[in-house]
C-alpha atoms as a PDB file:
ATOM      1  CA  UNK A   1      -0.097   0.027  -0.228  1.00  0.00           C
ATOM      2  CA  UNK A   2       1.530   3.184  -0.983  1.00  0.00           C
ATOM      3  CA  UNK A   3       2.507   6.167   1.551  1.00  0.00           C
ATOM      4  CA  UNK A   4       0.019   8.502  -0.242  1.00  0.00           C
ATOM      5  CA  UNK A   5      -2.910   5.990   0.038  1.00  0.00           C
ATOM      6  CA  UNK A   6      -2.186   5.575   3.870  1.00  0.00           C
ATOM      7  CA  UNK A   7      -2.154   9.197   3.913  1.00  0.00           C
ATOM      8  CA  UNK A   8      -5.540  10.000   1.928  1.00  0.00           C
ATOM      9  CA  UNK A   9      -7.072   7.294   4.420  1.00  0.00           C
ATOM     10  CA  UNK A  10      -5.527   8.725   7.451  1.00  0.00           C
ATOM     11  CA  UNK A  11      -7.213  12.155   6.202  1.00  0.00           C
ATOM     12  CA  UNK A  12     -10.389  10.720   5.368  1.00  0.00           C
ATOM     13  CA  UNK A  13     -10.777   9.116   8.830  1.00  0.00           C
ATOM     14  CA  UNK A  14      -9.987  11.945  10.602  1.00  0.00           C
ATOM     15  CA  UNK A  15     -12.402  13.914   8.985  1.00  0.00           C
ATOM     16  CA  UNK A  16     -15.237  11.416   9.948  1.00  0.00           C
ATOM     17  CA  UNK A  17     -14.280  11.942  13.762  1.00  0.00           C
ATOM     18  CA  UNK A  18     -16.406  14.387  15.492  1.00  0.00           C
ATOM     19  CA  UNK A  19     -15.062  16.914  18.098  1.00  0.00           C
ATOM     20  CA  UNK A  20     -17.075  15.435  20.569  1.00  0.00           C
ATOM     21  CA  UNK A  21     -15.637  11.978  19.737  1.00  0.00           C
ATOM     22  CA  UNK A  22     -12.271  13.349  20.302  1.00  0.00           C
ATOM     23  CA  UNK A  23     -12.924  14.955  23.283  1.00  0.00           C
ATOM     24  CA  UNK A  24     -14.089  11.550  24.652  1.00  0.00           C
ATOM     25  CA  UNK A  25     -11.304   9.624  23.633  1.00  0.00           C
ATOM     26  CA  UNK A  26      -8.854  12.430  24.972  1.00  0.00           C
ATOM     27  CA  UNK A  27     -10.623  12.367  28.235  1.00  0.00           C
ATOM     28  CA  UNK A  28     -10.798   8.306  28.620  1.00  0.00           C
ATOM     29  CA  UNK A  29      -7.246   8.033  27.752  1.00  0.00           C
ATOM     30  CA  UNK A  30      -6.372  11.006  30.274  1.00  0.00           C
ATOM     31  CA  UNK A  31      -7.965   8.856  32.902  1.00  0.00           C
ATOM     32  CA  UNK A  32      -6.470   5.597  32.069  1.00  0.00           C
ATOM     33  CA  UNK A  33      -2.805   7.023  31.164  1.00  0.00           C
ATOM     34  CA  UNK A  34      -0.331   6.659  34.019  1.00  0.00           C
ATOM     35  CA  UNK A  35       1.530   9.981  33.033  1.00  0.00           C
ATOM     36  CA  UNK A  36      -1.357  11.914  34.546  1.00  0.00           C
ATOM     37  CA  UNK A  37      -1.136  10.828  38.002  1.00  0.00           C
ATOM     38  CA  UNK A  38      -2.898  12.382  40.987  1.00  0.00           C
ATOM     39  CA  UNK A  39      -3.274  15.985  40.999  1.00  0.00           C
ATOM     40  CA  UNK A  40      -1.583  16.544  44.393  1.00  0.00           C
ATOM     41  CA  UNK A  41       1.594  14.192  43.550  1.00  0.00           C
ATOM     42  CA  UNK A  42       1.926  16.218  40.367  1.00  0.00           C
ATOM     43  CA  UNK A  43       2.009  19.603  42.399  1.00  0.00           C
ATOM     44  CA  UNK A  44       4.134  18.251  45.086  1.00  0.00           C
ATOM     45  CA  UNK A  45       7.085  17.464  42.798  1.00  0.00           C
ATOM     46  CA  UNK A  46      10.459  18.859  44.510  1.00  0.00           C
ATOM     47  CA  UNK A  47      10.658  21.292  41.643  1.00  0.00           C
ATOM     48  CA  UNK A  48       7.708  23.072  42.606  1.00  0.00           C
ATOM     49  CA  UNK A  49       6.820  25.324  45.885  1.00  0.00           C
ATOM     50  CA  UNK A  50       3.322  25.513  47.623  1.00  0.00           C
ATOM     51  CA  UNK A  51       2.906  28.226  49.889  1.00  0.00           C
ATOM     52  CA  UNK A  52       0.360  29.772  51.896  1.00  0.00           C
ATOM     53  CA  UNK A  53       0.494  33.362  50.439  1.00  0.00           C
ATOM     54  CA  UNK A  54      -1.212  36.894  50.950  1.00  0.00           C
ATOM     55  CA  UNK A  55      -2.136  38.923  47.850  1.00  0.00           C
ATOM     56  CA  UNK A  56      -0.237  41.805  47.865  1.00  0.00           C
ATOM     57  CA  UNK A  57      -1.280  43.759  44.556  1.00  0.00           C
ATOM     58  CA  UNK A  58      -3.768  42.382  41.944  1.00  0.00           C
ATOM     59  CA  UNK A  59      -3.600  45.173  39.593  1.00  0.00           C
ATOM     60  CA  UNK A  60      -1.400  43.458  37.056  1.00  0.00           C
ATOM     61  CA  UNK A  61      -3.837  40.194  36.653  1.00  0.00           C
ATOM     62  CA  UNK A  62      -4.655  41.652  33.158  1.00  0.00           C
ATOM     63  CA  UNK A  63      -1.445  41.684  32.153  1.00  0.00           C
ATOM     64  CA  UNK A  64      -0.680  38.492  33.207  1.00  0.00           C
ATOM     65  CA  UNK A  65       1.031  38.760  36.845  1.00  0.00           C
ATOM     66  CA  UNK A  66       0.024  38.990  40.423  1.00  0.00           C
ATOM     67  CA  UNK A  67       2.262  39.937  43.265  1.00  0.00           C
ATOM     68  CA  UNK A  68       2.318  37.777  46.549  1.00  0.00           C
ATOM     69  CA  UNK A  69       3.956  37.593  49.899  1.00  0.00           C
ATOM     70  CA  UNK A  70       4.684  34.302  51.125  1.00  0.00           C
ATOM     71  CA  UNK A  71       3.337  33.650  54.814  1.00  0.00           C
ATOM     72  CA  UNK A  72       4.330  29.843  55.086  1.00  0.00           C
ATOM     73  CA  UNK A  73       6.043  27.459  53.052  1.00  0.00           C
ATOM     74  CA  UNK A  74       4.263  24.229  52.808  1.00  0.00           C
ATOM     75  CA  UNK A  75       6.683  22.526  50.475  1.00  0.00           C
ATOM     76  CA  UNK A  76       9.653  23.769  48.871  1.00  0.00           C
ATOM     77  CA  UNK A  77      12.291  26.364  49.696  1.00  0.00           C
ATOM     78  CA  UNK A  78      10.995  29.881  49.594  1.00  0.00           C
ATOM     79  CA  UNK A  79      11.618  31.821  52.421  1.00  0.00           C
ATOM     80  CA  UNK A  80       8.422  33.370  54.639  1.00  0.00           C
ATOM     81  CA  UNK A  81       8.018  37.082  54.127  1.00  0.00           C
ATOM     82  CA  UNK A  82       9.398  37.011  50.475  1.00  0.00           C
ATOM     83  CA  UNK A  83       7.598  39.076  47.970  1.00  0.00           C
ATOM     84  CA  UNK A  84       7.115  37.628  44.327  1.00  0.00           C
ATOM     85  CA  UNK A  85       5.755  38.539  41.113  1.00  0.00           C
ATOM     86  CA  UNK A  86       4.187  35.508  39.679  1.00  0.00           C
ATOM     87  CA  UNK A  87       2.920  34.755  36.619  1.00  0.00           C
ATOM     88  CA  UNK A  88      -0.601  33.624  35.825  1.00  0.00           C
ATOM     89  CA  UNK A  89      -2.985  32.426  32.993  1.00  0.00           C
ATOM     90  CA  UNK A  90      -6.826  33.445  32.932  1.00  0.00           C
ATOM     91  CA  UNK A  91      -8.452  30.179  33.970  1.00  0.00           C
ATOM     92  CA  UNK A  92     -11.760  32.180  33.970  1.00  0.00           C
ATOM     93  CA  UNK A  93     -12.366  31.332  37.499  1.00  0.00           C
ATOM     94  CA  UNK A  94     -12.482  33.546  40.384  1.00  0.00           C
ATOM     95  CA  UNK A  95      -9.699  36.531  40.391  1.00  0.00           C
ATOM     96  CA  UNK A  96      -7.559  37.844  43.236  1.00  0.00           C
ATOM     97  CA  UNK A  97      -8.197  40.292  45.947  1.00  0.00           C
ATOM     98  CA  UNK A  98      -5.685  42.403  47.488  1.00  0.00           C
ATOM     99  CA  UNK A  99      -5.017  40.995  51.249  1.00  0.00           C
ATOM    100  CA  UNK A 100      -6.672  37.776  50.434  1.00  0.00           C
ATOM    101  CA  UNK A 101      -4.859  34.261  51.332  1.00  0.00           C
ATOM    102  CA  UNK A 102      -4.378  31.635  49.105  1.00  0.00           C
ATOM    103  CA  UNK A 103      -2.816  28.416  49.176  1.00  0.00           C
ATOM    104  CA  UNK A 104      -0.528  28.651  45.820  1.00  0.00           C
ATOM    105  CA  UNK A 105       1.969  26.023  43.675  1.00  0.00           C
ATOM    106  CA  UNK A 106       4.411  27.736  41.690  1.00  0.00           C
ATOM    107  CA  UNK A 107       7.535  26.934  40.110  1.00  0.00           C
ATOM    108  CA  UNK A 108      10.805  28.974  39.100  1.00  0.00           C
ATOM    109  CA  UNK A 109      11.837  26.316  36.610  1.00  0.00           C
ATOM    110  CA  UNK A 110      10.369  24.900  33.331  1.00  0.00           C
ATOM    111  CA  UNK A 111      11.148  21.723  31.466  1.00  0.00           C
ATOM    112  CA  UNK A 112      14.183  21.063  29.684  1.00  0.00           C
ATOM    113  CA  UNK A 113      13.197  21.798  26.082  1.00  0.00           C
ATOM    114  CA  UNK A 114      14.792  18.244  25.049  1.00  0.00           C
ATOM    115  CA  UNK A 115      15.973  16.589  28.030  1.00  0.00           C
ATOM    116  CA  UNK A 116      13.141  14.490  29.659  1.00  0.00           C
ATOM    117  CA  UNK A 117      12.656  14.749  33.419  1.00  0.00           C
ATOM    118  CA  UNK A 118      15.190  17.949  33.555  1.00  0.00           C
ATOM    119  CA  UNK A 119      14.454  21.217  34.315  1.00  0.00           C
ATOM    120  CA  UNK A 120      15.895  24.585  33.799  1.00  0.00           C
ATOM    121  CA  UNK A 121      15.323  28.022  35.025  1.00  0.00           C
ATOM    122  CA  UNK A 122      12.469  29.872  33.644  1.00  0.00           C
ATOM    123  CA  UNK A 123      13.867  32.868  32.081  1.00  0.00           C
ATOM    124  CA  UNK A 124      10.465  34.696  32.366  1.00  0.00           C
ATOM    125  CA  UNK A 125      10.435  34.312  35.919  1.00  0.00           C
ATOM    126  CA  UNK A 126       8.232  32.223  38.308  1.00  0.00           C
ATOM    127  CA  UNK A 127       4.445  31.321  37.519  1.00  0.00           C
ATOM    128  CA  UNK A 128       1.659  29.685  39.218  1.00  0.00           C
ATOM    129  CA  UNK A 129       1.159  26.054  37.962  1.00  0.00           C
ATOM    130  CA  UNK A 130      -1.840  24.369  36.399  1.00  0.00           C
ATOM    131  CA  UNK A 131      -3.512  21.538  37.919  1.00  0.00           C
ATOM    132  CA  UNK A 132      -2.619  18.954  35.229  1.00  0.00           C
ATOM    133  CA  UNK A 133      -5.370  17.627  33.281  1.00  0.00           C
ATOM    134  CA  UNK A 134      -8.112  20.382  33.855  1.00  0.00           C
ATOM    135  CA  UNK A 135      -6.412  23.657  32.951  1.00  0.00           C
ATOM    136  CA  UNK A 136      -6.767  25.356  35.967  1.00  0.00           C
ATOM    137  CA  UNK A 137      -4.663  27.730  38.175  1.00  0.00           C
ATOM    138  CA  UNK A 138      -3.176  26.034  41.469  1.00  0.00           C
ATOM    139  CA  UNK A 139      -4.329  29.114  43.288  1.00  0.00           C
ATOM    140  CA  UNK A 140      -6.977  27.757  46.091  1.00  0.00           C
ATOM    141  CA  UNK A 141      -9.073  29.789  49.035  1.00  0.00           C
ATOM    142  CA  UNK A 142      -6.988  28.734  52.132  1.00  0.00           C
ATOM    143  CA  UNK A 143      -8.017  26.260  54.557  1.00  0.00           C
ATOM    144  CA  UNK A 144      -6.151  24.277  57.265  1.00  0.00           C
ATOM    145  CA  UNK A 145      -7.530  21.052  55.617  1.00  0.00           C
ATOM    146  CA  UNK A 146      -6.339  21.778  52.135  1.00  0.00           C
ATOM    147  CA  UNK A 147      -2.708  22.552  53.527  1.00  0.00           C
ATOM    148  CA  UNK A 148      -2.630  19.482  55.407  1.00  0.00           C
ATOM    149  CA  UNK A 149      -3.270  17.725  52.199  1.00  0.00           C
ATOM    150  CA  UNK A 150      -0.293  19.105  50.747  1.00  0.00           C
ATOM    151  CA  UNK A 151       1.588  18.721  53.950  1.00  0.00           C
ATOM    152  CA  UNK A 152       0.741  14.891  53.417  1.00  0.00           C
ATOM    153  CA  UNK A 153       2.876  14.512  50.409  1.00  0.00           C
ATOM    154  CA  UNK A 154       6.224  14.714  52.662  1.00  0.00           C
ATOM    155  CA  UNK A 155       4.938  11.499  54.431  1.00  0.00           C
ATOM    156  CA  UNK A 156       4.605   9.280  51.666  1.00  0.00           C
ATOM    157  CA  UNK A 157       8.168   8.344  51.778  1.00  0.00           C
ATOM    158  CA  UNK A 158       8.084   7.737  55.167  1.00  0.00           C
ATOM    159  CA  UNK A 159       5.299   4.941  55.307  1.00  0.00           C
ATOM    160  CA  UNK A 160       7.654   2.015  56.253  1.00  0.00           C
ATOM    161  CA  UNK A 161       5.230  -0.336  57.710  1.00  0.00           C
ATOM    162  CA  UNK A 162       1.724  -1.427  57.195  1.00  0.00           C
ATOM    163  CA  UNK A 163       0.163   0.477  60.005  1.00  0.00           C
ATOM    164  CA  UNK A 164       1.742   3.775  58.847  1.00  0.00           C
ATOM    165  CA  UNK A 165       0.350   2.999  55.371  1.00  0.00           C
ATOM    166  CA  UNK A 166      -3.124   2.637  56.840  1.00  0.00           C
ATOM    167  CA  UNK A 167      -3.216   5.508  58.986  1.00  0.00           C
ATOM    168  CA  UNK A 168      -1.793   7.590  55.977  1.00  0.00           C
ATOM    169  CA  UNK A 169      -4.564   6.544  53.774  1.00  0.00           C
ATOM    170  CA  UNK A 170      -7.076   6.783  56.307  1.00  0.00           C
ATOM    171  CA  UNK A 171      -6.260  10.673  57.034  1.00  0.00           C
ATOM    172  CA  UNK A 172      -5.881  11.420  53.440  1.00  0.00           C
ATOM    173  CA  UNK A 173      -9.516  10.003  52.426  1.00  0.00           C
ATOM    174  CA  UNK A 174     -10.911  11.605  55.512  1.00  0.00           C
ATOM    175  CA  UNK A 175      -9.394  14.938  54.500  1.00  0.00           C
ATOM    176  CA  UNK A 176     -10.420  14.605  50.621  1.00  0.00           C
ATOM    177  CA  UNK A 177     -14.210  13.765  51.831  1.00  0.00           C
ATOM    178  CA  UNK A 178     -13.977  16.782  54.039  1.00  0.00           C
ATOM    179  CA  UNK A 179     -12.823  19.219  51.758  1.00  0.00           C
ATOM    180  CA  UNK A 180     -15.199  18.208  48.805  1.00  0.00           C
ATOM    181  CA  UNK A 181     -18.103  18.843  50.804  1.00  0.00           C
ATOM    182  CA  UNK A 182     -16.892  22.358  52.265  1.00  0.00           C
ATOM    183  CA  UNK A 183     -14.707  23.691  49.543  1.00  0.00           C
ATOM    184  CA  UNK A 184     -16.651  26.990  48.045  1.00  0.00           C
ATOM    185  CA  UNK A 185     -13.981  27.894  45.302  1.00  0.00           C
ATOM    186  CA  UNK A 186     -14.208  26.208  41.714  1.00  0.00           C
ATOM    187  CA  UNK A 187     -10.300  25.694  41.623  1.00  0.00           C
ATOM    188  CA  UNK A 188     -10.209  23.500  44.996  1.00  0.00           C
ATOM    189  CA  UNK A 189     -13.148  21.453  43.579  1.00  0.00           C
ATOM    190  CA  UNK A 190     -10.940  21.025  40.308  1.00  0.00           C
ATOM    191  CA  UNK A 191      -8.167  19.597  42.253  1.00  0.00           C
ATOM    192  CA  UNK A 192      -9.887  17.365  44.530  1.00  0.00           C
ATOM    193  CA  UNK A 193     -12.076  15.431  42.037  1.00  0.00           C
ATOM    194  CA  UNK A 194      -9.394  14.011  39.855  1.00  0.00           C
ATOM    195  CA  UNK A 195      -7.424  13.258  43.020  1.00  0.00           C
ATOM    196  CA  UNK A 196     -10.332  11.117  44.281  1.00  0.00           C
ATOM    197  CA  UNK A 197     -10.630   9.622  40.596  1.00  0.00           C
ATOM    198  CA  UNK A 198      -6.941   9.061  40.399  1.00  0.00           C
ATOM    199  CA  UNK A 199      -5.981   7.429  43.800  1.00  0.00           C
ATOM    200  CA  UNK A 200      -6.507   3.630  43.132  1.00  0.00           C
ATOM    201  CA  UNK A 201      -5.164   3.406  46.548  1.00  0.00           C
ATOM    202  CA  UNK A 202      -8.114   4.937  48.060  1.00  0.00           C
ATOM    203  CA  UNK A 203     -11.042   2.891  46.337  1.00  0.00           C
ATOM    204  CA  UNK A 204     -11.126   0.432  49.076  1.00  0.00           C
ATOM    205  CA  UNK A 205     -10.324   2.637  52.071  1.00  0.00           C
ATOM    206  CA  UNK A 206     -13.424   5.092  51.695  1.00  0.00           C
ATOM    207  CA  UNK A 207     -15.872   4.175  54.128  1.00  0.00           C
ATOM    208  CA  UNK A 208     -19.813   3.669  53.186  1.00  0.00           C
ATOM    209  CA  UNK A 209     -20.358   7.174  55.259  1.00  0.00           C
ATOM    210  CA  UNK A 210     -17.458   8.542  53.254  1.00  0.00           C
ATOM    211  CA  UNK A 211     -19.125   7.526  49.977  1.00  0.00           C
ATOM    212  CA  UNK A 212     -22.460   8.777  51.273  1.00  0.00           C
ATOM    213  CA  UNK A 213     -21.045  12.180  51.909  1.00  0.00           C
ATOM    214  CA  UNK A 214     -19.594  12.340  48.325  1.00  0.00           C
ATOM    215  CA  UNK A 215     -22.887  10.992  46.667  1.00  0.00           C
ATOM    216  CA  UNK A 216     -24.089  14.176  48.737  1.00  0.00           C
ATOM    217  CA  UNK A 217     -21.860  16.267  47.152  1.00  0.00           C
ATOM    218  CA  UNK A 218     -22.218  15.109  43.705  1.00  0.00           C
ATOM    219  CA  UNK A 219     -25.907  15.854  44.134  1.00  0.00           C
ATOM    220  CA  UNK A 220     -25.725  19.279  44.859  1.00  0.00           C
ATOM    221  CA  UNK A 221     -22.654  19.689  42.149  1.00  0.00           C
ATOM    222  CA  UNK A 222     -22.420  23.019  40.447  1.00  0.00           C
ATOM    223  CA  UNK A 223     -19.132  22.154  39.001  1.00  0.00           C
ATOM    224  CA  UNK A 224     -19.925  21.936  35.430  1.00  0.00           C
ATOM    225  CA  UNK A 225     -19.924  18.829  33.011  1.00  0.00           C
ATOM    226  CA  UNK A 226     -16.190  18.218  32.723  1.00  0.00           C
ATOM    227  CA  UNK A 227     -15.682  17.748  36.443  1.00  0.00           C
ATOM    228  CA  UNK A 228     -18.997  16.000  37.409  1.00  0.00           C
ATOM    229  CA  UNK A 229     -17.999  13.361  34.814  1.00  0.00           C
ATOM    230  CA  UNK A 230     -14.867  12.987  36.643  1.00  0.00           C
ATOM    231  CA  UNK A 231     -16.993  12.816  39.759  1.00  0.00           C
ATOM    232  CA  UNK A 232     -19.328  10.050  38.381  1.00  0.00           C
ATOM    233  CA  UNK A 233     -16.349   7.815  37.361  1.00  0.00           C
ATOM    234  CA  UNK A 234     -14.883   8.264  40.750  1.00  0.00           C
ATOM    235  CA  UNK A 235     -17.932   7.299  42.483  1.00  0.00           C
ATOM    236  CA  UNK A 236     -17.862   4.033  40.020  1.00  0.00           C
ATOM    237  CA  UNK A 237     -14.810   2.964  41.191  1.00  0.00           C
ATOM    238  CA  UNK A 238     -15.185   3.435  44.976  1.00  0.00           C
ATOM    239  CA  UNK A 239     -16.164   0.237  46.342  1.00  0.00           C
ATOM    240  CA  UNK A 240     -18.387   1.448  49.005  1.00  0.00           C
ATOM    241  CA  UNK A 241     -20.396   3.432  46.905  1.00  0.00           C
ATOM    242  CA  UNK A 242     -24.301   2.570  47.171  1.00  0.00           C
ATOM    243  CA  UNK A 243     -24.918   1.669  43.447  1.00  0.00           C
ATOM    244  CA  UNK A 244     -28.680   2.574  43.465  1.00  0.00           C
ATOM    245  CA  UNK A 245     -28.292   5.640  44.792  1.00  0.00           C
ATOM    246  CA  UNK A 246     -25.596   6.542  42.167  1.00  0.00           C
ATOM    247  CA  UNK A 247     -27.869   5.276  39.553  1.00  0.00           C
ATOM    248  CA  UNK A 248     -30.620   7.441  40.831  1.00  0.00           C
ATOM    249  CA  UNK A 249     -28.257  10.642  40.710  1.00  0.00           C
ATOM    250  CA  UNK A 250     -27.092   9.414  36.954  1.00  0.00           C
ATOM    251  CA  UNK A 251     -30.789   9.395  35.922  1.00  0.00           C
ATOM    252  CA  UNK A 252     -31.361  12.687  37.352  1.00  0.00           C
ATOM    253  CA  UNK A 253     -28.819  13.874  35.355  1.00  0.00           C
ATOM    254  CA  UNK A 254     -29.961  12.451  32.218  1.00  0.00           C
ATOM    255  CA  UNK A 255     -33.413  13.465  32.709  1.00  0.00           C
ATOM    256  CA  UNK A 256     -31.991  17.114  32.658  1.00  0.00           C
ATOM    257  CA  UNK A 257     -29.589  16.483  29.510  1.00  0.00           C
ATOM    258  CA  UNK A 258     -30.856  16.372  25.845  1.00  0.00           C
ATOM    259  CA  UNK A 259     -29.818  13.348  23.548  1.00  0.00           C
ATOM    260  CA  UNK A 260     -28.526  16.112  20.893  1.00  0.00           C
ATOM    261  CA  UNK A 261     -25.498  17.449  22.411  1.00  0.00           C
ATOM    262  CA  UNK A 262     -23.152  20.399  21.719  1.00  0.00           C
ATOM    263  CA  UNK A 263     -20.254  18.238  20.186  1.00  0.00           C
ATOM    264  CA  UNK A 264     -17.644  21.231  21.001  1.00  0.00           C
ATOM    265  CA  UNK A 265     -18.367  20.528  24.813  1.00  0.00           C
ATOM    266  CA  UNK A 266     -18.307  18.079  27.598  1.00  0.00           C
ATOM    267  CA  UNK A 267     -22.036  17.340  27.114  1.00  0.00           C
ATOM    268  CA  UNK A 268     -21.337  14.263  25.662  1.00  0.00           C
ATOM    269  CA  UNK A 269     -18.675  13.047  27.983  1.00  0.00           C
ATOM    270  CA  UNK A 270     -21.190  13.666  31.034  1.00  0.00           C
ATOM    271  CA  UNK A 271     -24.161  12.173  29.289  1.00  0.00           C
ATOM    272  CA  UNK A 272     -21.708   8.894  28.552  1.00  0.00           C
ATOM    273  CA  UNK A 273     -20.689   8.820  32.209  1.00  0.00           C
ATOM    274  CA  UNK A 274     -23.973   8.841  33.395  1.00  0.00           C
ATOM    275  CA  UNK A 275     -25.148   6.400  31.321  1.00  0.00           C
ATOM    276  CA  UNK A 276     -22.372   4.072  32.858  1.00  0.00           C
ATOM    277  CA  UNK A 277     -23.553   4.984  36.215  1.00  0.00           C
ATOM    278  CA  UNK A 278     -27.292   4.665  35.709  1.00  0.00           C
ATOM    279  CA  UNK A 279     -27.229   0.697  35.239  1.00  0.00           C
ATOM    280  CA  UNK A 280     -28.017  -0.311  38.827  1.00  0.00           C
ATOM    281  CA  UNK A 281     -31.840   0.839  38.334  1.00  0.00           C
ATOM    282  CA  UNK A 282     -34.615  -1.472  37.616  1.00  0.00           C
ATOM    283  CA  UNK A 283     -37.487   0.484  36.986  1.00  0.00           C
ATOM    284  CA  UNK A 284     -39.242   0.831  33.560  1.00  0.00           C
ATOM    285  CA  UNK A 285     -38.964   4.870  33.677  1.00  0.00           C
ATOM    286  CA  UNK A 286     -35.221   4.688  33.840  1.00  0.00           C
ATOM    287  CA  UNK A 287     -34.783   2.220  30.835  1.00  0.00           C
ATOM    288  CA  UNK A 288     -37.031   4.631  28.838  1.00  0.00           C
ATOM    289  CA  UNK A 289     -35.028   7.508  30.181  1.00  0.00           C
ATOM    290  CA  UNK A 290     -31.799   5.857  28.813  1.00  0.00           C
ATOM    291  CA  UNK A 291     -33.601   5.042  25.545  1.00  0.00           C
ATOM    292  CA  UNK A 292     -34.099   8.518  24.282  1.00  0.00           C
ATOM    293  CA  UNK A 293     -30.191   8.606  24.154  1.00  0.00           C
ATOM    294  CA  UNK A 294     -29.871   6.033  21.287  1.00  0.00           C
ATOM    295  CA  UNK A 295     -31.415   8.996  19.160  1.00  0.00           C
ATOM    296  CA  UNK A 296     -28.293  10.903  19.994  1.00  0.00           C
ATOM    297  CA  UNK A 297     -25.997  12.906  17.321  1.00  0.00           C
ATOM    298  CA  UNK A 298     -23.248  11.406  19.077  1.00  0.00           C
ATOM    299  CA  UNK A 299     -22.048   7.886  18.252  1.00  0.00           C
ATOM    300  CA  UNK A 300     -20.241   7.486  22.025  1.00  0.00           C
ATOM    301  CA  UNK A 301     -23.457   8.275  23.736  1.00  0.00           C
ATOM    302  CA  UNK A 302     -25.684   5.829  21.276  1.00  0.00           C
ATOM    303  CA  UNK A 303     -23.403   3.072  22.004  1.00  0.00           C
ATOM    304  CA  UNK A 304     -23.182   3.378  25.707  1.00  0.00           C
ATOM    305  CA  UNK A 305     -27.168   3.845  25.968  1.00  0.00           C
ATOM    306  CA  UNK A 306     -27.481   0.528  24.200  1.00  0.00           C
ATOM    307  CA  UNK A 307     -25.084  -1.080  26.694  1.00  0.00           C
ATOM    308  CA  UNK A 308     -26.900   0.247  29.508  1.00  0.00           C
ATOM    309  CA  UNK A 309     -30.253  -0.673  28.443  1.00  0.00           C
ATOM    310  CA  UNK A 310     -28.813  -4.231  28.008  1.00  0.00           C
ATOM    311  CA  UNK A 311     -27.432  -4.392  31.398  1.00  0.00           C
ATOM    312  CA  UNK A 312     -30.972  -3.365  33.299  1.00  0.00           C
ATOM    313  CA  UNK A 313     -33.143  -5.528  31.064  1.00  0.00           C
ATOM    314  CA  UNK A 314     -32.193  -7.127  27.968  1.00  0.00           C
ATOM    315  CA  UNK A 315     -35.556  -8.311  26.922  1.00  0.00           C
ATOM    316  CA  UNK A 316     -37.073  -4.944  27.104  1.00  0.00           C
ATOM    317  CA  UNK A 317     -34.102  -3.386  25.394  1.00  0.00           C
ATOM    318  CA  UNK A 318     -34.855  -5.265  22.681  1.00  0.00           C
ATOM    319  CA  UNK A 319     -38.597  -4.751  22.586  1.00  0.00           C
ATOM    320  CA  UNK A 320     -37.668  -0.598  22.505  1.00  0.00           C
ATOM    321  CA  UNK A 321     -35.224  -0.865  20.019  1.00  0.00           C
ATOM    322  CA  UNK A 322     -37.126  -3.126  17.689  1.00  0.00           C
ATOM    323  CA  UNK A 323     -39.608  -0.539  17.520  1.00  0.00           C
ATOM    324  CA  UNK A 324     -37.763   2.719  17.870  1.00  0.00           C
ATOM    325  CA  UNK A 325     -38.145   5.378  15.321  1.00  0.00           C
ATOM    326  CA  UNK A 326     -34.913   7.549  14.712  1.00  0.00           C
ATOM    327  CA  UNK A 327     -35.090  11.495  14.291  1.00  0.00           C
ATOM    328  CA  UNK A 328     -33.249  13.190  11.507  1.00  0.00           C
ATOM    329  CA  UNK A 329     -30.909  14.381  14.074  1.00  0.00           C
ATOM    330  CA  UNK A 330     -29.768  11.104  15.062  1.00  0.00           C
ATOM    331  CA  UNK A 331     -26.268   9.976  14.202  1.00  0.00           C
ATOM    332  CA  UNK A 332     -25.724   8.021  11.123  1.00  0.00           C
ATOM    333  CA  UNK A 333     -24.348   5.268  13.564  1.00  0.00           C
ATOM    334  CA  UNK A 334     -27.356   4.606  15.490  1.00  0.00           C
ATOM    335  CA  UNK A 335     -29.389   2.705  13.095  1.00  0.00           C
ATOM    336  CA  UNK A 336     -25.978   0.301  12.833  1.00  0.00           C
ATOM    337  CA  UNK A 337     -25.844  -0.017  16.632  1.00  0.00           C
ATOM    338  CA  UNK A 338     -29.245  -1.025  16.855  1.00  0.00           C
ATOM    339  CA  UNK A 339     -29.117  -3.511  13.950  1.00  0.00           C
ATOM    340  CA  UNK A 340     -25.936  -5.190  15.503  1.00  0.00           C
ATOM    341  CA  UNK A 341     -27.551  -5.410  18.876  1.00  0.00           C
ATOM    342  CA  UNK A 342     -30.836  -7.016  17.462  1.00  0.00           C
ATOM    343  CA  UNK A 343     -28.390  -9.679  15.471  1.00  0.00           C
ATOM    344  CA  UNK A 344     -27.062 -11.006  18.823  1.00  0.00           C
END
């Protein structure tokens, strides 16, 4: 096969992939890929500094900088009372107010342009880092519990016995649950939810009481589709999660969602995740709620809707799909997905 022919096939294939599908694949790959580890672990690298700071001057935010005074260094070497101009990016969340106290992670270094795992001085000066994976500034409303979560990162290398490891994990889980319930700022929520999702060592540690608290927080969520989809994923992985209550929340989310999604947003991602979480419901209304998503304009939603219907009640799923009439807005893959299921 010629290189030109391969190139033409590749281009043609790429053109067929919707933006929503690309976003969904990237999101799922990010969840599975080891390089994107827990968010706190990434921020706590030795090359970074985490400190309690006070905002000295915020007038330069529009120009990409903020002046801070270091009150206490949590991780790193920066001296207290030091005043620093930090570069920032606009992440569309709450700005900074003079006199406000924050917990901030920043760095004087940047990655070496060619050498892996090597760092060099950043010629542009120190900058506030992003929370890896969600493109949000690591600048959080201060709380004692959040500071303790960062301080725990120092103790990871001191866990030389099973007793210490167990105590560490229990304390870690308590702090995470407490902060998810109490933290009012979007940046802290965008730090904590991916942390819970990516902490495989905590899946069996969260108690039934803690998972109930997390479900309550999810029910009251105003975090947006991107973070809510990660939250649903996290609850699916936590062993103590009440699956029926999670399904109830998922169905509520689906009832509030439209099958025909904005393909340039996280709407498809949250719907797919909610569909995955809905399978422990057994009511007739639930399978009808799920069935409407077979008419979606997103192939990922269509396929997951059919899988979820089958998981709840295969006979009812077959009956509904045999009689389903698709709208003009349905994705072209919908008919093929239905036909493939009915052939089984």
